[in-house]
């Protein structure tokens, strides 16, 4: 299963190795696996078809709500970063409505996930689960994503501004000389 945009991306980047297109994911689609239902949210930005699920998870007999943010590496273009920012804001809102209190990332190195896994491994009967961060902790994760993206967009805009200013100054200077 992939969002249509990522099926297309995979097919165009690696036609010989692309998997056979099977099921398309639609935004908000629910996938039931046994007694567990996963809600799939289209969160374009990391790739055009990135999907981030929200799903129930059990820890010590209690059902919690987990999310898996579908990508932490922002794209290159400013327009794609703006799309990614919109996805992050929308997903944070959906997380809040769903009561997400477990934060997961598809890149364990980006959110201390590898260290948290080791913490669970070394003390399986310890006090708590480091992935259960509470609803405010899950929202804080998305706020960090938002802040990072706003910073990257501002950097892009700032990088574009000096070139335009230099070009204008050079044109004005040249016009005055001739």
Protein backbone atom coordinates (compact mmCIF):
# COMPACT_ATOMS: atom_id res chain seq x y z
CA UNK A 1 0.00 0.00 0.00
CA UNK A 2 1.18 3.49 -0.86
CA UNK A 3 -0.36 6.83 -1.64
CA UNK A 4 -0.74 7.29 -5.43
CA UNK A 5 1.95 9.99 -5.52
CA UNK A 6 4.54 7.63 -4.05
CA UNK A 7 3.59 4.76 -6.36
CA UNK A 8 4.29 7.21 -9.20
CA UNK A 9 7.54 8.41 -7.58
CA UNK A 10 8.87 4.87 -7.15
CA UNK A 11 7.88 3.93 -10.71
CA UNK A 12 9.61 7.00 -12.20
CA UNK A 13 12.79 6.71 -10.09
CA UNK A 14 13.30 2.98 -10.48
CA UNK A 15 11.06 1.52 -13.19
CA UNK A 16 12.93 -1.79 -13.33
CA UNK A 17 12.75 -2.34 -9.56
CA UNK A 18 9.35 -0.81 -8.81
CA UNK A 19 6.93 -3.13 -7.04
CA UNK A 20 3.65 -3.94 -8.74
CA UNK A 21 1.12 -1.29 -7.91
CA UNK A 22 -1.46 -2.82 -5.63
CA UNK A 23 -3.48 -0.74 -3.19
CA UNK A 24 -3.71 3.06 -3.11
CA UNK A 25 -3.95 4.78 0.25
CA UNK A 26 -6.48 7.60 0.55
CA UNK A 27 -6.25 10.29 3.22
CA UNK A 28 -8.11 9.18 6.34
CA UNK A 29 -8.43 5.61 5.10
CA UNK A 30 -8.82 2.98 7.78
CA UNK A 31 -7.00 -0.33 7.59
CA UNK A 32 -8.19 -3.06 9.95
CA UNK A 33 -5.74 -5.78 10.90
CA UNK A 34 -7.48 -8.28 13.16
CA UNK A 35 -8.93 -6.25 16.03
CA UNK A 36 -6.72 -3.22 15.35
CA UNK A 37 -7.72 -0.35 13.09
CA UNK A 38 -5.04 1.98 11.75
CA UNK A 39 -6.03 5.36 10.31
CA UNK A 40 -3.75 6.46 7.46
CA UNK A 41 -3.20 10.18 6.95
CA UNK A 42 -1.68 11.67 3.79
CA UNK A 43 1.16 13.95 4.97
CA UNK A 44 3.04 15.00 1.82
CA UNK A 45 6.37 16.72 2.21
CA UNK A 46 9.05 14.17 3.00
CA UNK A 47 7.86 12.57 -0.25
CA UNK A 48 4.80 13.56 -2.28
CA UNK A 49 2.86 10.57 -0.97
CA UNK A 50 4.07 10.26 2.61
CA UNK A 51 1.55 8.62 4.93
CA UNK A 52 1.49 8.94 8.72
CA UNK A 53 -0.69 6.48 10.68
CA UNK A 54 -2.51 6.86 13.98
CA UNK A 55 -3.29 3.59 15.75
CA UNK A 56 -4.03 2.00 19.12
CA UNK A 57 -1.15 0.49 21.07
CA UNK A 58 -1.17 -1.42 24.33
CA UNK A 59 1.26 -0.94 27.17
CA UNK A 60 0.87 -2.82 30.41
CA UNK A 61 -2.77 -3.63 29.80
CA UNK A 62 -3.80 -0.10 28.85
CA UNK A 63 -4.74 1.01 25.35
CA UNK A 64 -3.00 4.16 24.23
CA UNK A 65 -2.95 6.03 20.92
CA UNK A 66 0.23 6.09 18.86
CA UNK A 67 1.35 7.95 15.80
CA UNK A 68 4.18 7.32 13.37
CA UNK A 69 5.39 10.54 11.72
CA UNK A 70 6.18 9.60 8.14
CA UNK A 71 9.40 11.46 7.58
CA UNK A 72 11.79 13.89 9.22
CA UNK A 73 13.96 14.99 6.32
CA UNK A 74 12.53 18.12 4.69
CA UNK A 75 12.48 18.38 0.90
CA UNK A 76 14.72 20.71 -1.08
CA UNK A 77 12.30 23.23 -2.58
CA UNK A 78 10.60 25.98 -0.60
CA UNK A 79 7.21 25.07 -2.08
CA UNK A 80 7.61 21.46 -0.94
CA UNK A 81 8.67 22.63 2.53
CA UNK A 82 5.51 24.75 2.69
CA UNK A 83 3.46 21.67 1.75
CA UNK A 84 5.30 19.70 4.44
CA UNK A 85 4.56 22.43 7.01
CA UNK A 86 0.86 22.31 6.11
CA UNK A 87 0.93 18.52 6.53
CA UNK A 88 2.59 18.82 9.94
CA UNK A 89 0.01 21.34 11.16
CA UNK A 90 -2.90 19.24 9.90
CA UNK A 91 -1.49 16.03 11.36
CA UNK A 92 -0.83 17.71 14.74
CA UNK A 93 -4.50 18.71 14.81
CA UNK A 94 -5.59 15.16 13.98
CA UNK A 95 -3.26 13.82 16.68
CA UNK A 96 -4.79 16.14 19.24
CA UNK A 97 -8.35 15.08 18.33
CA UNK A 98 -7.28 11.41 18.54
CA UNK A 99 -5.53 11.81 21.90
CA UNK A 100 -2.14 10.61 20.63
CA UNK A 101 0.20 10.01 23.56
CA UNK A 102 2.84 7.81 21.90
CA UNK A 103 5.30 9.41 19.46
CA UNK A 104 7.17 7.34 16.91
CA UNK A 105 9.27 8.34 13.94
CA UNK A 106 10.22 6.30 10.90
CA UNK A 107 13.83 7.35 11.55
CA UNK A 108 14.81 6.18 15.04
CA UNK A 109 17.91 8.39 15.03
CA UNK A 110 15.83 11.57 14.57
CA UNK A 111 13.82 11.42 17.79
CA UNK A 112 16.06 9.42 20.17
CA UNK A 113 14.05 6.35 19.18
CA UNK A 114 17.12 4.12 19.13
CA UNK A 115 18.07 5.23 22.64
CA UNK A 116 14.50 4.75 23.85
CA UNK A 117 14.45 1.21 22.39
CA UNK A 118 17.65 0.44 24.24
CA UNK A 119 16.15 1.85 27.44
CA UNK A 120 13.21 -0.56 27.10
CA UNK A 121 15.54 -3.46 26.29
CA UNK A 122 17.79 -2.85 29.28
CA UNK A 123 14.95 -2.38 31.78
CA UNK A 124 11.84 -4.14 30.41
CA UNK A 125 10.13 -3.95 33.80
CA UNK A 126 11.18 -0.36 34.43
CA UNK A 127 8.91 2.47 35.53
CA UNK A 128 7.57 3.49 32.18
CA UNK A 129 7.76 3.36 28.46
CA UNK A 130 9.89 6.17 26.99
CA UNK A 131 7.72 6.21 23.86
CA UNK A 132 4.65 7.11 25.93
CA UNK A 133 5.27 10.85 26.02
CA UNK A 134 1.72 12.00 26.81
CA UNK A 135 -0.48 14.15 24.64
CA UNK A 136 1.57 17.27 25.37
CA UNK A 137 4.83 15.47 24.52
CA UNK A 138 3.40 14.23 21.21
CA UNK A 139 2.25 17.76 20.39
CA UNK A 140 5.70 19.08 21.36
CA UNK A 141 7.28 16.69 18.82
CA UNK A 142 5.09 18.14 16.07
CA UNK A 143 5.82 21.70 17.27
CA UNK A 144 9.53 20.93 16.82
CA UNK A 145 8.82 19.69 13.28
CA UNK A 146 6.83 22.88 12.63
CA UNK A 147 9.57 25.14 14.03
CA UNK A 148 12.26 23.36 12.00
CA UNK A 149 10.25 23.73 8.80
CA UNK A 150 9.47 27.41 9.45
CA UNK A 151 13.20 27.96 10.00
CA UNK A 152 14.13 26.17 6.77
CA UNK A 153 11.52 28.17 4.82
CA UNK A 154 12.87 31.42 6.34
CA UNK A 155 16.42 30.38 5.35
CA UNK A 156 15.24 29.76 1.80
CA UNK A 157 13.56 33.15 1.67
CA UNK A 158 16.59 34.88 3.16
CA UNK A 159 18.91 33.16 0.68
CA UNK A 160 16.73 34.34 -2.19
CA UNK A 161 16.61 37.95 -0.96
CA UNK A 162 20.35 38.92 -1.17
CA UNK A 163 20.52 37.74 -4.78
CA UNK A 164 17.57 39.93 -5.71
CA UNK A 165 19.01 42.88 -3.75
CA UNK A 166 22.45 42.46 -5.35
CA UNK A 167 20.92 42.23 -8.80
CA UNK A 168 18.88 45.41 -8.23
CA UNK A 169 21.90 47.30 -6.86
CA UNK A 170 24.09 46.20 -9.77
CA UNK A 171 21.46 47.19 -12.32
CA UNK A 172 21.02 50.61 -10.72
CA UNK A 173 24.79 51.15 -10.58
CA UNK A 174 25.24 50.08 -14.21
CA UNK A 175 22.38 52.32 -15.30
CA UNK A 176 24.03 55.32 -13.60
CA UNK A 177 27.42 54.69 -15.24
CA UNK A 178 26.33 54.62 -18.83
